[in-house]
Amino acid sequence: MFRLSKFFKNNKLVVILCSIIVFIALIGLSIRSQSQSSVEQYIGDSSSAGQRIVSYPVQFVAGSIGKVFSGDESKATKNKIKQLEAKNESLEAENKKYKKELDIEDISKYDPISSTVIGRNPDQWMNTIVINKGAKDGVKNNMAVMTSEGLVGRITKVNQFSSQVDLISTNTRNNRLSVNIQHKDANVFGLIDHFDDKTGELVISDINNKDSVKKGDKVVTSGLADQLPSKLYIGEVTKVENDGYGLAKQVRVKTGSELSDLNHVYVAQREASSADSESGDN
């Protein structure tokens, strides 16, 4: 025994070399063999199990995050599409509106001043507006203000670069506009009494019971006492009824212009008749 231990002590290098050779030989055999040992299989299974334990939560979290972001991205894309569609619809409506205004011959007869609404107080929404044209542009008091759909009001205050417009829906005694209701070949005279906020209609009162007025009749300016051009379109009769005493008729009128939504208007500088006479003289 002593001799054997002495041999190993004296031949350490030989023992190390032999061990290395044996180790290399075992590695070579394992590489050549297509089957894995039980130990190798156990180590591999344990390793793969650990990978699955780690990878499943990671995949779940990653998938969830991916769904969240993909969902958000999908929602964002849908919202952008909706915004673009809404914008396109708005542009198309605006283009149709301006095209209609350009095609209206009646407006051109008044040598109109094109203007934009720049001011409107919420508490006076259906009473007054402010436009961006004034005395420098030829605007004067009592000039008619209209859109392509009809009369909306008249100039009541003129500054150098802006003007105030009293709308035909203004409920003041001074704003009782004189009108003609066109029934067949006859004109029925009346005064706009007030604007009904609930129905959004003008009310013409004190129409004689003998006068014939029907739903669908056109209402225009009379040109009397208001310093406004005659025959400016205002709206259409929607309802005819007796007043509270049954002594006269009350007529309701839906305005041609949308008074609650005004952006672009025209100021009429002269009577259509004067424009027609000038064109006839030429």
Protein backbone atom coordinates (compact mmCIF):
# COMPACT_ATOMS: atom_id res chain seq x y z
CA MET A 1 0.00 0.00 0.00
CA PHE A 2 2.80 2.34 0.87
CA ARG A 3 4.52 1.53 -2.36
CA LEU A 4 1.33 2.23 -4.40
CA SER A 5 0.81 5.62 -2.82
CA LYS A 6 4.44 6.38 -3.29
CA PHE A 7 4.05 5.41 -6.97
CA PHE A 8 1.22 7.87 -7.44
CA LYS A 9 3.09 10.61 -5.67
CA ASN A 10 6.15 10.04 -7.84
CA ASN A 11 4.12 9.75 -11.06
CA LYS A 12 1.49 12.51 -10.72
CA LEU A 13 2.04 13.69 -14.24
CA VAL A 14 1.45 10.20 -15.63
CA VAL A 15 -1.79 9.84 -13.69
CA ILE A 16 -3.06 13.22 -14.91
CA LEU A 17 -2.26 12.36 -18.50
CA CYS A 18 -4.06 9.01 -18.21
CA SER A 19 -7.11 10.69 -16.71
CA ILE A 20 -7.21 13.17 -19.57
CA ILE A 21 -6.97 10.38 -22.13
CA VAL A 22 -9.83 8.47 -20.51
CA PHE A 23 -11.97 11.62 -20.36
CA ILE A 24 -11.38 12.38 -24.03
CA ALA A 25 -12.26 8.82 -24.92
CA LEU A 26 -15.57 9.04 -23.05
CA ILE A 27 -16.42 12.30 -24.81
CA GLY A 28 -15.71 10.70 -28.16
CA LEU A 29 -17.98 7.78 -27.39
CA SER A 30 -20.84 10.06 -26.32
CA ILE A 31 -20.53 12.12 -29.50
CA ARG A 32 -20.60 9.05 -31.71
CA SER A 33 -23.58 7.55 -29.92
CA GLN A 34 -26.96 8.73 -31.23
CA SER A 35 -28.73 7.79 -28.03
CA GLN A 36 -28.48 9.80 -24.85
CA SER A 37 -27.71 8.32 -21.49
CA SER A 38 -30.20 8.50 -18.67
CA VAL A 39 -28.15 11.17 -17.01
CA GLU A 40 -28.03 13.27 -20.15
CA GLN A 41 -31.77 12.86 -20.68
CA TYR A 42 -32.51 13.90 -17.13
CA ILE A 43 -30.31 16.95 -17.42
CA GLY A 44 -31.92 17.86 -20.75
CA ASP A 45 -35.46 17.43 -19.45
CA SER A 46 -34.72 19.47 -16.38
CA SER A 47 -33.23 22.19 -18.50
CA SER A 48 -36.16 22.27 -20.93
CA ALA A 49 -38.65 22.24 -18.06
CA GLY A 50 -36.92 25.24 -16.60
CA GLN A 51 -37.01 26.97 -19.96
CA ARG A 52 -40.74 26.29 -20.30
CA ILE A 53 -41.40 27.59 -16.80
CA VAL A 54 -39.64 30.82 -17.71
CA SER A 55 -40.79 31.08 -21.33
CA TYR A 56 -44.54 30.53 -20.77
CA PRO A 57 -45.04 33.57 -18.52
CA VAL A 58 -42.79 35.62 -20.78
CA GLN A 59 -44.76 34.56 -23.85
CA PHE A 60 -48.06 35.20 -22.08
CA VAL A 61 -47.00 38.67 -20.96
CA ALA A 62 -45.49 39.45 -24.35
CA GLY A 63 -48.65 38.22 -26.09
CA SER A 64 -50.86 40.24 -23.81
CA ILE A 65 -48.78 43.34 -24.33
CA GLY A 66 -48.81 42.70 -28.06
CA LYS A 67 -52.59 42.40 -28.04
CA VAL A 68 -52.93 45.57 -26.01
CA PHE A 69 -50.69 47.53 -28.34
CA SER A 70 -52.19 45.98 -31.44
CA GLY A 71 -55.64 46.74 -30.07
CA ASP A 72 -54.66 50.33 -29.29
CA GLU A 73 -53.10 50.65 -32.71
CA SER A 74 -56.25 49.25 -34.30
CA LYS A 75 -58.42 51.68 -32.35
CA ALA A 76 -56.14 54.58 -33.25
CA THR A 77 -56.29 53.59 -36.90
CA LYS A 78 -60.09 53.35 -36.81
CA ASN A 79 -60.31 56.74 -35.11
CA LYS A 80 -58.07 58.30 -37.75
CA ILE A 81 -60.21 56.79 -40.49
CA LYS A 82 -63.37 58.15 -38.86
CA GLN A 83 -61.78 61.59 -38.51
CA LEU A 84 -60.75 61.59 -42.16
CA GLU A 85 -64.23 60.50 -43.25
CA ALA A 86 -65.84 63.23 -41.14
CA LYS A 87 -63.42 65.80 -42.54
CA ASN A 88 -64.14 64.70 -46.10
CA GLU A 89 -67.89 64.92 -45.50
CA SER A 90 -67.45 68.40 -44.03
CA LEU A 91 -65.36 69.52 -47.02
CA GLU A 92 -67.86 68.09 -49.47
CA ALA A 93 -70.74 69.89 -47.73
CA GLU A 94 -68.76 73.12 -47.70
CA ASN A 95 -67.88 72.76 -51.40
CA LYS A 96 -71.54 72.17 -52.27
CA LYS A 97 -72.51 75.21 -50.22
CA TYR A 98 -70.03 77.52 -51.94
CA LYS A 99 -70.87 76.07 -55.34
CA LYS A 100 -74.52 76.81 -54.69
CA GLU A 101 -73.66 80.37 -53.64
CA LEU A 102 -71.62 80.91 -56.79
CA ASP A 103 -74.49 79.64 -58.94
CA ILE A 104 -77.12 81.91 -57.39
CA GLU A 105 -77.86 84.77 -59.81
CA ASP A 106 -80.09 86.70 -57.39
CA ILE A 107 -77.18 87.52 -55.09
CA SER A 108 -75.04 88.91 -57.89
CA LYS A 109 -77.81 91.40 -58.73
CA TYR A 110 -77.22 93.20 -55.46
CA ASP A 111 -73.49 93.84 -56.00
CA PRO A 112 -72.83 91.81 -52.83
CA ILE A 113 -70.02 92.26 -50.35
CA SER A 114 -68.76 88.84 -49.31
CA SER A 115 -68.07 88.66 -45.58
CA THR A 116 -67.32 86.26 -42.74
CA VAL A 117 -68.98 86.05 -39.32
CA ILE A 118 -66.32 86.90 -36.74
CA GLY A 119 -68.38 87.40 -33.59
CA ARG A 120 -71.45 85.95 -31.92
CA ASN A 121 -72.32 86.11 -28.22
CA PRO A 122 -73.89 82.97 -26.74
CA ASP A 123 -76.53 84.99 -24.87
CA GLN A 124 -77.39 86.89 -28.09
CA TRP A 125 -76.98 83.94 -30.44
CA MET A 126 -80.27 84.41 -32.31
CA ASN A 127 -80.19 88.21 -32.12
CA THR A 128 -76.95 89.61 -33.54
CA ILE A 129 -73.73 88.67 -35.34
CA VAL A 130 -70.59 90.61 -36.21
CA ILE A 131 -69.06 90.45 -39.68
CA ASN A 132 -65.56 91.35 -40.89
CA LYS A 133 -66.60 94.11 -43.32
CA GLY A 134 -67.30 97.75 -42.46
CA ALA A 135 -67.34 101.30 -43.77
CA LYS A 136 -63.99 100.80 -45.55
CA ASP A 137 -65.68 98.12 -47.65
CA GLY A 138 -68.79 100.15 -48.46
CA VAL A 139 -71.08 98.74 -45.77
CA LYS A 140 -73.85 101.07 -44.56
CA ASN A 141 -76.70 100.92 -42.06
CA ASN A 142 -79.88 99.05 -43.04
CA MET A 143 -78.21 97.10 -45.82
CA ALA A 144 -79.65 93.61 -46.22
CA VAL A 145 -77.52 90.64 -45.16
CA MET A 146 -78.18 87.26 -46.79
CA THR A 147 -76.89 83.84 -47.71
CA SER A 148 -77.63 81.81 -50.82
CA GLU A 149 -80.71 80.46 -49.00
CA GLY A 150 -82.26 83.83 -48.20
CA LEU A 151 -82.31 86.89 -45.96
CA VAL A 152 -80.73 86.62 -42.49
CA GLY A 153 -80.78 90.22 -41.22
CA ARG A 154 -79.73 93.81 -41.76
CA ILE A 155 -76.83 96.07 -40.81
CA THR A 156 -77.52 98.08 -37.65
CA LYS A 157 -74.06 99.30 -36.61
CA VAL A 158 -71.07 100.04 -38.87
CA ASN A 159 -67.44 100.36 -37.80
CA GLN A 160 -64.47 100.92 -40.10
CA PHE A 161 -63.56 97.24 -40.42
CA SER A 162 -66.56 95.40 -38.95
CA SER A 163 -70.33 95.66 -38.69
CA GLN A 164 -73.15 94.42 -36.49
CA VAL A 165 -76.07 92.56 -38.03
CA ASP A 166 -79.48 92.26 -36.39
CA LEU A 167 -80.90 88.90 -37.43
CA ILE A 168 -84.51 88.54 -38.58
CA SER A 169 -84.97 86.32 -35.52
CA THR A 170 -84.26 89.21 -33.16
CA ASN A 171 -87.23 89.64 -30.82
CA THR A 172 -87.43 93.44 -30.61
CA ARG A 173 -90.24 95.81 -31.49
CA ASN A 174 -87.96 97.70 -33.89
CA ASN A 175 -87.24 94.54 -35.82
CA ARG A 176 -90.80 93.87 -37.01
CA LEU A 177 -89.92 93.23 -40.63
CA SER A 178 -92.64 93.83 -43.24
CA VAL A 179 -93.16 90.89 -45.58
CA ASN A 180 -95.31 89.60 -48.42
CA ILE A 181 -96.70 86.08 -48.38
CA GLN A 182 -96.92 84.94 -51.98
CA HIS A 183 -100.11 82.93 -52.49
CA LYS A 184 -100.63 82.07 -56.13
CA ASP A 185 -100.70 85.44 -57.94
CA ALA A 186 -101.51 87.52 -54.86
CA ASN A 187 -99.33 89.04 -52.15
CA VAL A 188 -100.58 89.01 -48.56
CA PHE A 189 -98.95 91.71 -46.48
CA GLY A 190 -97.83 91.02 -42.91
CA LEU A 191 -95.34 91.85 -40.16
CA ILE A 192 -92.96 89.42 -38.46
CA ASP A 193 -94.14 89.51 -34.86
CA HIS A 194 -91.48 87.37 -33.18
CA PHE A 195 -89.23 84.35 -33.40
CA ASP A 196 -90.29 81.14 -31.63
CA ASP A 197 -87.17 79.69 -29.95
CA LYS A 198 -88.85 76.34 -29.33
CA THR A 199 -89.79 75.64 -32.97
CA GLY A 200 -87.14 77.78 -34.65
CA GLU A 201 -89.79 79.55 -36.74
CA LEU A 202 -90.77 83.13 -37.46
CA VAL A 203 -94.33 84.09 -36.53
CA ILE A 204 -96.37 86.50 -38.66
CA SER A 205 -99.45 87.74 -36.84
CA ASP A 206 -102.58 89.77 -37.65
CA ILE A 207 -103.24 88.28 -41.07
CA ASN A 208 -106.79 88.99 -42.14
CA ASN A 209 -109.05 85.94 -42.08
CA LYS A 210 -110.24 86.79 -45.58
CA ASP A 211 -106.72 86.48 -47.00
CA SER A 212 -105.79 83.08 -48.39
CA VAL A 213 -102.53 81.68 -47.05
CA LYS A 214 -101.49 78.05 -47.35
CA LYS A 215 -98.67 75.84 -46.18
CA GLY A 216 -95.80 76.01 -48.68
CA ASP A 217 -96.38 79.67 -49.68
CA LYS A 218 -93.18 81.68 -50.08
CA VAL A 219 -92.41 84.64 -47.82
CA VAL A 220 -90.34 87.57 -49.15
CA THR A 221 -89.50 91.12 -48.08
CA SER A 222 -92.09 93.72 -49.06
CA GLY A 223 -89.61 96.58 -49.50
CA LEU A 224 -91.88 98.86 -47.44
CA ALA A 225 -90.69 100.93 -44.46
CA ASP A 226 -87.62 98.72 -43.83
CA GLN A 227 -85.17 100.25 -46.33
CA LEU A 228 -84.52 96.71 -47.54
CA PRO A 229 -84.76 95.52 -51.14
CA SER A 230 -88.09 93.94 -52.03
CA LYS A 231 -88.63 90.29 -52.91
CA LEU A 232 -85.70 88.96 -50.87
CA TYR A 233 -86.54 85.37 -49.99
CA ILE A 234 -87.09 84.75 -46.27
CA GLY A 235 -88.68 81.33 -45.99
CA GLU A 236 -91.72 79.13 -46.44
CA VAL A 237 -95.02 78.88 -44.60
CA THR A 238 -95.19 75.77 -42.43
CA LYS A 239 -98.44 76.32 -40.57
CA VAL A 240 -101.50 78.59 -40.64
CA GLU A 241 -103.72 78.90 -37.55
CA ASN A 242 -106.15 81.28 -35.90
CA ASP A 243 -104.87 83.55 -33.17
CA GLY A 244 -106.06 83.34 -29.59
CA TYR A 245 -109.18 85.40 -30.29
CA GLY A 246 -110.05 83.85 -33.64
CA LEU A 247 -110.10 87.30 -35.26
CA ALA A 248 -107.00 86.92 -37.40
CA LYS A 249 -104.58 84.34 -38.73
CA GLN A 250 -101.15 83.51 -37.39
CA VAL A 251 -98.60 82.19 -39.86
CA ARG A 252 -95.45 80.25 -39.02
CA VAL A 253 -92.45 80.46 -41.33
CA LYS A 254 -89.39 78.25 -41.62
CA THR A 255 -86.45 80.40 -42.69
CA GLY A 256 -84.51 79.42 -45.78
CA SER A 257 -81.19 80.18 -44.09
CA GLU A 258 -80.06 78.27 -41.02
CA LEU A 259 -79.87 81.24 -38.64
CA SER A 260 -78.25 79.25 -35.83
CA ASP A 261 -75.27 78.31 -38.03
CA LEU A 262 -73.93 81.28 -39.98
CA ASN A 263 -70.33 81.49 -41.18
CA HIS A 264 -70.35 83.21 -44.56
CA VAL A 265 -72.82 85.95 -45.55
CA TYR A 266 -73.32 88.65 -48.19
CA VAL A 267 -74.18 92.32 -47.75
CA ALA A 268 -76.47 93.67 -50.50
CA GLN A 269 -75.31 97.09 -51.67
CA ARG A 270 -78.27 97.97 -53.92
CA GLU A 271 -81.73 97.01 -55.12
CA ALA A 272 -82.01 94.23 -57.67
CA SER A 273 -84.21 96.52 -59.80
CA SER A 274 -81.47 99.16 -60.05
CA ALA A 275 -78.94 96.51 -61.06
CA ASP A 276 -81.32 95.21 -63.70
CA SER A 277 -81.94 98.70 -65.09
CA GLU A 278 -78.20 99.37 -65.28
CA SER A 279 -77.58 96.15 -67.18
CA GLY A 280 -80.49 97.08 -69.51
CA ASP A 281 -79.01 100.53 -70.18
CA ASN A 282 -75.72 98.97 -71.17
